[in-house]
Amino acid sequence: MARPKKTARTKGVYDRGSAFQVKIKRKDAAGNLHAINRTFPYSEATRAKALAQAEAFASAERAALHEEKQPASNLMSSQSLGVWIERYIAEVLSLKAKDGKKKGSDNDARLLRLLAKRFPATFSKPVDKLTPQDFGLANGGMARSLEDDYYLAPATITRQLAVLSSVFTAAIKRWGFKMDNPIHATLKPKVRNERERVVTDKEWADILTALAPMSAATRGAIAFLRWTAARRSEAIKLRWEDLDYSKQRPEATFRDTKNPKGGKPIHRTIFLTPEAVAVLDTLTKELHAAKLRKDRIPPSPQNPPAVRPSSGFVFSLDEGKTSIASDTLTQAWGRAREQAGVTDATLHDLRHTRITELANLLPMHQVMQLSGHKTTQMLTRYYNPDMQDLGELFEVTKAAAEKAQRDYLKKTRKKKGS
């Protein structure tokens, strides 16, 4: 077996080809033997940074063994949650990615870094100073801020805290830190997953008015969710290349959807209703007008007509280069909803609203093709009809059936009479 390739500058740091490994095995001042093993993955672009981190880690560990009689990584006062999430991403999530769970691990890494950006004081505090109140619903707590400042639903907040809790679990079980997981004792918002909230026509009109001053991409994405029943993640990943206008009814293909099959991403294609097509047409015109303003071309009948972009993200704030952020939509919805005086309606309730409308028009198995649900049990959680509307639909359907039967009998009698 080939010997590990050691870097030239620091003892105990080895280059493994895709990561630097720090291996230190020595006795501390009290004579206790310690074996330290940690990896710092790198790509071609991040190799120098990973090497610097590995060397700094090795030096700190050696100094701590000499002065503190224990590894620096065991000293709670030297640890912060920000340091832990980077270690968790490098050591735990990277292994999940190799086991075929790349999408989930990438999502968790993005979420943890987003939380670190939003709550720098919490993530820079020594971990032994963290309390359940730092993460809960108390004033100044993470859950309270996510609910009040970022308009996140209770279920979303609970999921985010669960991901963060896994970092503490890794620190306790994998890295040997002796502490209690503060998130286990955190007061979390109550989750009521089975919502029955749909957005009424008047509420939608009022929210649209409140959305008017916002960017075309923000307004367009929220309206697209309203008329397609798409998930937020599906809409923000939609590209112009995924739209097909060559057929009688335009279609949109959502790629890498929420429900993979056998661990592999799957795609879902839906037809676009006239309302959804109108949303995209309006967005195209607004993008065209914005480009003319950017190029300082004054409005004129002689200007070329608006043409749909051929590539790039549909809902974007930088001309299709990157997709609009999911939280941008959630926060825009929260502000518009408050301004419109609409209470207790989340952005995800637009999906409930559209699925309820579709289920009144199409059989359940066809609605599932549009919504992306795998089972009728999950789909029915999104079907929240108003009983008066359902009664009216019943009367209309009954009258149509009775008329069809009368017409059939009348036609049959005429044939017999002739």
Protein backbone atom coordinates (compact mmCIF):
# COMPACT_ATOMS: atom_id res chain seq x y z
CA MET A 1 0.00 0.00 0.00
CA ALA A 2 1.37 3.42 -0.97
CA ARG A 3 2.42 5.68 1.88
CA PRO A 4 0.32 8.84 2.33
CA LYS A 5 1.63 11.93 0.62
CA LYS A 6 2.58 14.45 3.28
CA THR A 7 2.62 18.19 2.68
CA ALA A 8 5.97 19.86 3.02
CA ARG A 9 5.09 22.56 5.53
CA THR A 10 3.29 21.02 8.52
CA LYS A 11 3.86 17.76 10.30
CA GLY A 12 0.82 15.45 10.37
CA VAL A 13 -0.94 16.94 7.32
CA TYR A 14 -1.37 14.57 4.38
CA ASP A 15 -2.63 15.17 0.85
CA ARG A 16 -5.12 12.44 -0.12
CA GLY A 17 -5.83 13.78 -3.59
CA SER A 18 -9.28 15.17 -2.84
CA ALA A 19 -8.78 16.18 0.79
CA PHE A 20 -6.08 17.05 3.31
CA GLN A 21 -6.02 14.71 6.28
CA VAL A 22 -4.68 15.76 9.67
CA LYS A 23 -3.36 12.80 11.67
CA ILE A 24 -1.81 13.53 15.03
CA LYS A 25 -1.05 10.85 17.59
CA ARG A 26 0.85 11.90 20.68
CA LYS A 27 0.78 12.13 24.46
CA ASP A 28 -0.28 15.29 26.22
CA ALA A 29 1.54 16.85 29.16
CA ALA A 30 -0.28 14.49 31.52
CA GLY A 31 0.84 11.43 29.60
CA ASN A 32 -2.53 10.63 28.03
CA LEU A 33 -2.41 9.38 24.43
CA HIS A 34 -4.60 11.23 21.92
CA ALA A 35 -5.32 10.27 18.30
CA ILE A 36 -6.67 13.15 16.20
CA ASN A 37 -7.98 12.50 12.70
CA ARG A 38 -9.79 15.08 10.58
CA THR A 39 -10.18 15.68 6.85
CA PHE A 40 -10.48 18.92 4.87
CA PRO A 41 -11.98 18.18 1.42
CA TYR A 42 -10.98 20.41 -1.48
CA SER A 43 -11.48 21.03 -5.16
CA GLU A 44 -8.93 22.51 -7.54
CA ALA A 45 -10.26 25.97 -6.76
CA THR A 46 -10.27 25.54 -2.95
CA ARG A 47 -7.08 23.52 -2.48
CA ALA A 48 -4.99 26.37 -1.05
CA LYS A 49 -7.72 27.39 1.39
CA ALA A 50 -8.21 23.79 2.58
CA LEU A 51 -4.47 23.39 3.10
CA ALA A 52 -4.31 26.55 5.20
CA GLN A 53 -7.25 25.33 7.29
CA ALA A 54 -5.67 21.90 7.79
CA GLU A 55 -2.33 23.37 8.82
CA ALA A 56 -3.95 25.83 11.22
CA PHE A 57 -5.99 23.00 12.75
CA ALA A 58 -2.90 20.81 13.18
CA SER A 59 -0.94 23.63 14.81
CA ALA A 60 -3.79 24.47 17.20
CA GLU A 61 -4.18 20.84 18.21
CA ARG A 62 -0.48 20.44 18.97
CA ALA A 63 -0.41 23.63 21.01
CA ALA A 64 -3.49 22.60 22.99
CA LEU A 65 -2.05 19.17 23.73
CA HIS A 66 1.03 20.84 25.13
CA GLU A 67 -0.66 23.62 27.11
CA GLU A 68 -4.16 22.41 27.95
CA LYS A 69 -3.40 18.67 28.21
CA GLN A 70 -6.23 17.91 25.76
CA PRO A 71 -6.95 18.53 22.07
CA ALA A 72 -8.20 21.99 21.12
CA SER A 73 -11.21 20.36 19.46
CA ASN A 74 -12.27 19.10 22.90
CA LEU A 75 -12.21 22.55 24.48
CA MET A 76 -15.78 23.85 24.43
CA SER A 77 -14.65 27.45 24.87
CA SER A 78 -12.80 27.28 21.54
CA GLN A 79 -15.82 25.96 19.62
CA SER A 80 -18.58 27.93 17.94
CA LEU A 81 -21.65 26.76 16.07
CA GLY A 82 -20.24 28.35 12.94
CA VAL A 83 -17.12 26.18 13.20
CA TRP A 84 -19.24 23.12 13.83
CA ILE A 85 -21.46 23.55 10.78
CA GLU A 86 -18.42 23.79 8.49
CA ARG A 87 -17.01 20.64 10.07
CA TYR A 88 -20.43 18.95 9.77
CA ILE A 89 -20.62 19.86 6.08
CA ALA A 90 -17.09 18.61 5.44
CA GLU A 91 -17.24 15.39 7.42
CA VAL A 92 -20.91 14.31 7.57
CA LEU A 93 -22.74 15.79 4.62
CA SER A 94 -19.90 14.97 2.23
CA LEU A 95 -20.30 11.28 3.14
CA LYS A 96 -24.06 11.49 2.54
CA ALA A 97 -23.38 12.95 -0.90
CA LYS A 98 -21.13 10.00 -1.73
CA ASP A 99 -23.89 7.60 -0.62
CA GLY A 100 -26.23 8.92 -3.31
CA LYS A 101 -27.90 11.61 -1.19
CA LYS A 102 -26.21 14.58 -2.85
CA LYS A 103 -29.37 16.64 -3.33
CA GLY A 104 -30.36 16.37 0.33
CA SER A 105 -26.84 17.04 1.60
CA ASP A 106 -26.46 20.08 -0.68
CA ASN A 107 -29.79 21.46 0.54
CA ASP A 108 -28.77 20.97 4.18
CA ALA A 109 -25.42 22.68 3.58
CA ARG A 110 -27.10 25.68 1.96
CA LEU A 111 -29.62 25.92 4.79
CA LEU A 112 -26.97 25.78 7.52
CA ARG A 113 -24.89 28.49 5.87
CA LEU A 114 -28.00 30.62 5.34
CA LEU A 115 -28.87 30.35 9.04
CA ALA A 116 -25.28 31.27 9.93
CA LYS A 117 -25.59 34.37 7.74
CA ARG A 118 -28.91 35.36 9.28
CA PHE A 119 -27.88 34.79 12.91
CA PRO A 120 -24.17 35.68 13.13
CA ALA A 121 -24.27 36.39 16.87
CA THR A 122 -25.67 32.94 17.66
CA PHE A 123 -23.27 31.13 15.36
CA SER A 124 -20.19 32.95 16.67
CA LYS A 125 -21.03 32.37 20.36
CA PRO A 126 -19.07 29.61 22.15
CA VAL A 127 -21.22 26.49 22.10
CA ASP A 128 -21.07 26.09 25.88
CA LYS A 129 -22.86 29.45 26.15
CA LEU A 130 -25.76 28.46 23.89
CA THR A 131 -29.15 27.84 25.52
CA PRO A 132 -32.53 26.57 24.27
CA GLN A 133 -33.75 30.18 24.36
CA ASP A 134 -31.26 31.07 21.60
CA PHE A 135 -33.19 28.82 19.20
CA GLY A 136 -36.78 29.04 20.43
CA LEU A 137 -39.82 31.30 20.34
CA ALA A 138 -38.64 33.66 23.07
CA ASN A 139 -37.86 37.23 22.05
CA GLY A 140 -34.57 37.18 20.17
CA GLY A 141 -34.80 33.43 19.59
CA MET A 142 -34.11 31.93 16.19
CA ALA A 143 -37.57 30.41 15.77
CA ARG A 144 -39.23 33.71 16.70
CA SER A 145 -37.16 35.62 14.16
CA LEU A 146 -37.78 33.07 11.40
CA GLU A 147 -41.51 33.39 12.03
CA ASP A 148 -41.78 37.17 12.47
CA ASP A 149 -38.98 38.50 10.24
CA TYR A 150 -38.79 35.88 7.51
CA TYR A 151 -42.46 34.80 7.40
CA LEU A 152 -41.65 31.09 7.55
CA ALA A 153 -44.38 28.57 8.37
CA PRO A 154 -44.15 26.55 11.60
CA ALA A 155 -43.43 23.33 9.70
CA THR A 156 -40.56 25.00 7.82
CA ILE A 157 -39.08 26.42 11.02
CA THR A 158 -39.28 23.01 12.69
CA ARG A 159 -37.53 21.36 9.75
CA GLN A 160 -34.74 23.94 9.80
CA LEU A 161 -34.21 23.46 13.52
CA ALA A 162 -34.09 19.70 12.95
CA VAL A 163 -31.24 20.13 10.46
CA LEU A 164 -29.42 22.35 12.94
CA SER A 165 -30.05 19.83 15.71
CA SER A 166 -28.24 17.19 13.66
CA VAL A 167 -25.07 19.30 13.94
CA PHE A 168 -25.25 19.12 17.75
CA THR A 169 -25.96 15.39 17.53
CA ALA A 170 -22.83 14.88 15.42
CA ALA A 171 -20.76 16.94 17.88
CA ILE A 172 -21.97 14.81 20.80
CA LYS A 173 -21.96 11.34 19.22
CA ARG A 174 -19.24 11.57 16.56
CA TRP A 175 -16.82 14.15 17.93
CA GLY A 176 -17.11 13.34 21.61
CA PHE A 177 -18.20 16.70 23.04
CA LYS A 178 -19.94 16.41 26.39
CA MET A 179 -23.04 18.62 26.33
CA ASP A 180 -26.80 18.52 25.98
CA ASN A 181 -28.39 19.33 22.64
CA PRO A 182 -30.05 22.72 23.33
CA ILE A 183 -32.52 22.32 20.46
CA HIS A 184 -34.08 19.28 22.15
CA ALA A 185 -35.32 21.61 24.92
CA THR A 186 -36.25 24.46 22.58
CA LEU A 187 -39.84 25.73 22.49
CA LYS A 188 -40.83 25.26 18.85
CA PRO A 189 -43.89 26.52 16.97
CA LYS A 190 -46.84 24.13 16.78
CA VAL A 191 -47.08 22.43 13.41
CA ARG A 192 -50.46 21.91 11.83
CA ASN A 193 -49.63 20.18 8.56
CA GLU A 194 -53.18 19.47 7.46
CA ARG A 195 -54.19 22.94 6.36
CA GLU A 196 -57.60 23.73 4.93
CA ARG A 197 -56.75 27.27 3.85
CA VAL A 198 -57.44 28.35 0.29
CA VAL A 199 -57.04 31.87 -1.06
CA THR A 200 -60.32 33.44 -2.21
CA ASP A 201 -60.66 35.40 -5.45
CA LYS A 202 -60.94 38.68 -3.54
CA GLU A 203 -57.91 37.90 -1.38
CA TRP A 204 -55.90 37.04 -4.48
CA ALA A 205 -56.92 40.30 -6.18
CA ASP A 206 -55.91 42.30 -3.09
CA ILE A 207 -52.58 40.49 -2.84
CA LEU A 208 -51.88 41.11 -6.54
CA THR A 209 -52.43 44.82 -5.94
CA ALA A 210 -49.97 44.74 -3.04
CA LEU A 211 -47.43 42.90 -5.21
CA ALA A 212 -47.56 45.56 -7.93
CA PRO A 213 -44.52 47.62 -6.75
CA MET A 214 -42.31 44.53 -6.52
CA SER A 215 -40.03 43.18 -9.23
CA ALA A 216 -41.48 41.52 -12.33
CA ALA A 217 -39.76 38.25 -11.43
CA THR A 218 -41.22 38.24 -7.92
CA ARG A 219 -44.75 39.02 -9.09
CA GLY A 220 -44.47 36.59 -11.98
CA ALA A 221 -43.22 33.70 -9.85
CA ILE A 222 -45.98 34.09 -7.26
CA ALA A 223 -48.66 34.36 -9.96
CA PHE A 224 -47.19 31.31 -11.70
CA LEU A 225 -47.53 29.34 -8.44
CA ARG A 226 -51.16 30.46 -8.21
CA TRP A 227 -52.13 29.11 -11.64
CA THR A 228 -49.98 25.97 -11.89
CA ALA A 229 -50.04 24.42 -8.38
CA ALA A 230 -46.26 24.11 -8.73
CA ARG A 231 -44.03 23.84 -5.71
CA ARG A 232 -41.94 26.89 -4.93
CA SER A 233 -38.71 24.97 -5.63
CA GLU A 234 -40.04 23.86 -9.04
CA ALA A 235 -40.94 27.37 -10.11
CA ILE A 236 -37.64 28.98 -9.15
CA LYS A 237 -35.67 26.29 -11.03
CA LEU A 238 -37.77 26.66 -14.20
CA ARG A 239 -35.78 27.71 -17.26
CA TRP A 240 -36.98 29.15 -20.55
CA GLU A 241 -35.64 26.00 -22.22
CA ASP A 242 -38.16 24.01 -20.18
CA LEU A 243 -41.12 25.76 -21.84
CA ASP A 244 -42.61 24.26 -25.00
CA TYR A 245 -44.82 26.57 -27.06
CA SER A 246 -44.82 24.35 -30.16
CA LYS A 247 -47.99 22.50 -29.12
CA GLN A 248 -51.60 23.62 -29.07
CA ARG A 249 -51.39 24.03 -25.32
CA PRO A 250 -47.99 25.22 -24.07
CA GLU A 251 -46.22 22.96 -21.60
CA ALA A 252 -43.69 23.39 -18.80
CA THR A 253 -41.31 20.71 -17.55
CA PHE A 254 -40.20 20.80 -13.93
CA ARG A 255 -36.81 19.13 -13.58
CA ASP A 256 -35.34 17.38 -10.56
CA THR A 257 -38.63 17.45 -8.68
CA LYS A 258 -39.24 16.80 -5.00
CA ASN A 259 -40.04 13.09 -5.34
CA PRO A 260 -37.08 11.22 -6.87
CA LYS A 261 -37.52 7.65 -8.05
CA GLY A 262 -34.94 5.15 -6.86
CA GLY A 263 -32.74 8.01 -5.69
CA LYS A 264 -32.67 9.46 -9.20
CA PRO A 265 -34.21 12.83 -10.08
CA ILE A 266 -37.38 12.78 -12.15
CA HIS A 267 -39.11 15.39 -14.26
CA ARG A 268 -42.78 16.33 -14.54
CA THR A 269 -44.46 18.02 -17.48
CA ILE A 270 -47.73 19.93 -17.15
CA PHE A 271 -49.87 21.85 -19.60
CA LEU A 272 -50.16 25.58 -19.00
CA THR A 273 -53.60 27.09 -18.56
CA PRO A 274 -54.41 30.43 -20.25
CA GLU A 275 -53.86 32.17 -16.89
CA ALA A 276 -50.37 30.68 -16.55
CA VAL A 277 -49.53 31.55 -20.17
CA ALA A 278 -50.69 35.12 -19.52
CA VAL A 279 -48.33 35.33 -16.52
CA LEU A 280 -45.35 34.33 -18.70
CA ASP A 281 -46.42 36.68 -21.51
CA THR A 282 -46.63 39.59 -19.08
CA LEU A 283 -43.21 38.71 -17.66
CA THR A 284 -41.74 38.60 -21.18
CA LYS A 285 -43.08 42.07 -21.95
CA GLU A 286 -41.79 43.49 -18.67
CA LEU A 287 -38.34 41.96 -19.19
CA HIS A 288 -38.27 43.44 -22.70
CA ALA A 289 -39.28 46.87 -21.40
CA ALA A 290 -36.60 46.67 -18.69
CA LYS A 291 -33.95 45.86 -21.30
CA LEU A 292 -34.99 48.85 -23.41
CA ARG A 293 -34.70 51.09 -20.36
CA LYS A 294 -31.29 49.63 -19.56
CA ASP A 295 -30.14 50.32 -23.12
CA ARG A 296 -31.68 53.82 -22.89
CA ILE A 297 -34.01 53.21 -25.81
CA PRO A 298 -37.16 55.34 -25.44
CA PRO A 299 -40.58 53.71 -25.93
CA SER A 300 -41.63 53.75 -29.59
CA PRO A 301 -43.95 51.80 -31.91
CA GLN A 302 -40.85 51.21 -34.03
CA ASN A 303 -39.14 49.15 -31.31
CA PRO A 304 -38.92 45.40 -31.95
CA PRO A 305 -41.64 43.35 -30.21
CA ALA A 306 -40.97 41.45 -27.02
CA VAL A 307 -39.57 37.98 -27.61
CA ARG A 308 -39.34 35.24 -25.02
CA PRO A 309 -35.75 34.55 -23.93
CA SER A 310 -34.37 31.31 -25.33
CA SER A 311 -32.36 30.36 -22.24
CA GLY A 312 -31.77 31.17 -18.60
CA PHE A 313 -33.93 31.06 -15.50
CA VAL A 314 -37.49 32.29 -16.03
CA PHE A 315 -37.81 33.98 -12.64
CA SER A 316 -34.55 35.84 -12.17
CA LEU A 317 -33.34 39.21 -10.93
CA ASP A 318 -30.21 39.25 -13.11
CA GLU A 319 -31.44 38.54 -16.64
CA GLY A 320 -31.64 34.78 -16.21
CA LYS A 321 -28.15 34.14 -14.85
CA THR A 322 -29.37 32.91 -11.46
CA SER A 323 -32.80 31.99 -10.18
CA ILE A 324 -34.69 34.14 -7.74
CA ALA A 325 -34.16 33.04 -4.13
CA SER A 326 -36.94 31.00 -2.58
CA ASP A 327 -36.96 33.16 0.53
CA THR A 328 -37.41 36.25 -1.64
CA LEU A 329 -40.78 34.88 -2.71
CA THR A 330 -41.79 33.88 0.82
CA GLN A 331 -40.92 37.29 2.24
CA ALA A 332 -42.60 39.13 -0.66
CA TRP A 333 -45.74 37.08 -0.09
CA GLY A 334 -45.66 37.87 3.64
CA ARG A 335 -45.36 41.62 3.04
CA ALA A 336 -48.06 41.64 0.34
CA ARG A 337 -50.40 39.54 2.47
CA GLU A 338 -50.03 41.89 5.43
CA GLN A 339 -50.56 44.96 3.24
CA ALA A 340 -53.67 43.38 1.72
CA GLY A 341 -55.05 42.53 5.15
CA VAL A 342 -55.12 38.79 4.43
CA THR A 343 -54.54 36.68 7.52
CA ASP A 344 -53.28 33.13 7.96
CA ALA A 345 -52.46 32.43 4.32
CA THR A 346 -49.03 31.07 3.41
CA LEU A 347 -47.39 31.04 0.01
CA HIS A 348 -47.85 27.27 -0.06
CA ASP A 349 -51.61 27.77 0.30
CA LEU A 350 -51.61 28.83 -3.35
CA ARG A 351 -50.86 25.18 -4.11
CA HIS A 352 -53.83 24.12 -1.98
CA THR A 353 -55.99 26.65 -3.81
CA ARG A 354 -55.11 25.54 -7.33
CA ILE A 355 -55.26 21.81 -6.55
CA THR A 356 -58.73 22.31 -5.07
CA GLU A 357 -59.85 24.05 -8.27
CA LEU A 358 -58.34 21.34 -10.48
CA ALA A 359 -59.90 18.54 -8.41
CA ASN A 360 -63.33 20.06 -9.04
CA LEU A 361 -62.72 19.74 -12.78
CA LEU A 362 -60.60 16.63 -13.30
CA PRO A 363 -60.44 13.09 -11.85
CA MET A 364 -57.98 12.64 -9.00
CA HIS A 365 -55.53 10.50 -11.00
CA GLN A 366 -55.26 13.27 -13.60
CA VAL A 367 -54.79 15.95 -10.94
CA MET A 368 -51.91 13.86 -9.54
CA GLN A 369 -50.14 14.14 -12.90
CA LEU A 370 -50.30 17.92 -12.59
CA SER A 371 -49.52 18.22 -8.87
CA GLY A 372 -46.75 15.62 -8.72
CA HIS A 373 -48.24 13.71 -5.78
CA LYS A 374 -47.48 10.00 -5.65
CA THR A 375 -50.54 8.90 -3.69
CA THR A 376 -54.18 9.98 -3.52
CA GLN A 377 -53.80 10.16 0.26
CA MET A 378 -51.26 12.97 -0.06
CA LEU A 379 -53.29 14.68 -2.76
CA THR A 380 -56.47 14.75 -0.67
CA ARG A 381 -54.63 16.76 1.99
CA TYR A 382 -54.48 19.54 -0.60
CA TYR A 383 -58.11 19.25 -1.65
CA ASN A 384 -60.01 21.72 0.54
CA PRO A 385 -63.34 22.52 -1.15
CA ASP A 386 -65.86 25.00 0.18
CA MET A 387 -69.06 23.08 0.89
CA GLN A 388 -71.23 25.71 -0.80
CA ASP A 389 -69.09 25.55 -3.93
CA LEU A 390 -69.18 21.76 -3.82
CA GLY A 391 -72.96 21.83 -3.50
CA GLU A 392 -73.26 24.17 -6.47
CA LEU A 393 -70.96 21.95 -8.52
CA PHE A 394 -73.11 18.96 -7.61
CA GLU A 395 -76.29 20.72 -8.78
CA VAL A 396 -74.66 21.79 -12.05
CA THR A 397 -73.26 18.30 -12.69
CA LYS A 398 -76.60 16.70 -11.80
CA ALA A 399 -78.52 19.02 -14.12
CA ALA A 400 -76.07 18.33 -16.96
CA ALA A 401 -76.39 14.57 -16.43
CA GLU A 402 -80.20 14.72 -16.36
CA LYS A 403 -80.25 16.80 -19.55
CA ALA A 404 -77.92 14.36 -21.27
CA GLN A 405 -80.19 11.48 -20.25
CA ARG A 406 -83.32 13.28 -21.54
CA ASP A 407 -81.62 14.08 -24.82
CA TYR A 408 -80.55 10.45 -25.19
CA LEU A 409 -84.09 9.13 -24.53
CA LYS A 410 -85.59 11.66 -26.91
CA LYS A 411 -83.12 10.67 -29.62
CA THR A 412 -83.85 6.96 -29.01
CA ARG A 413 -87.64 7.47 -29.31
CA LYS A 414 -87.21 9.31 -32.59
CA LYS A 415 -85.19 6.44 -34.00
CA LYS A 416 -87.85 3.93 -32.95
CA GLY A 417 -90.62 6.12 -34.42
CA SER A 418 -88.92 6.35 -37.78
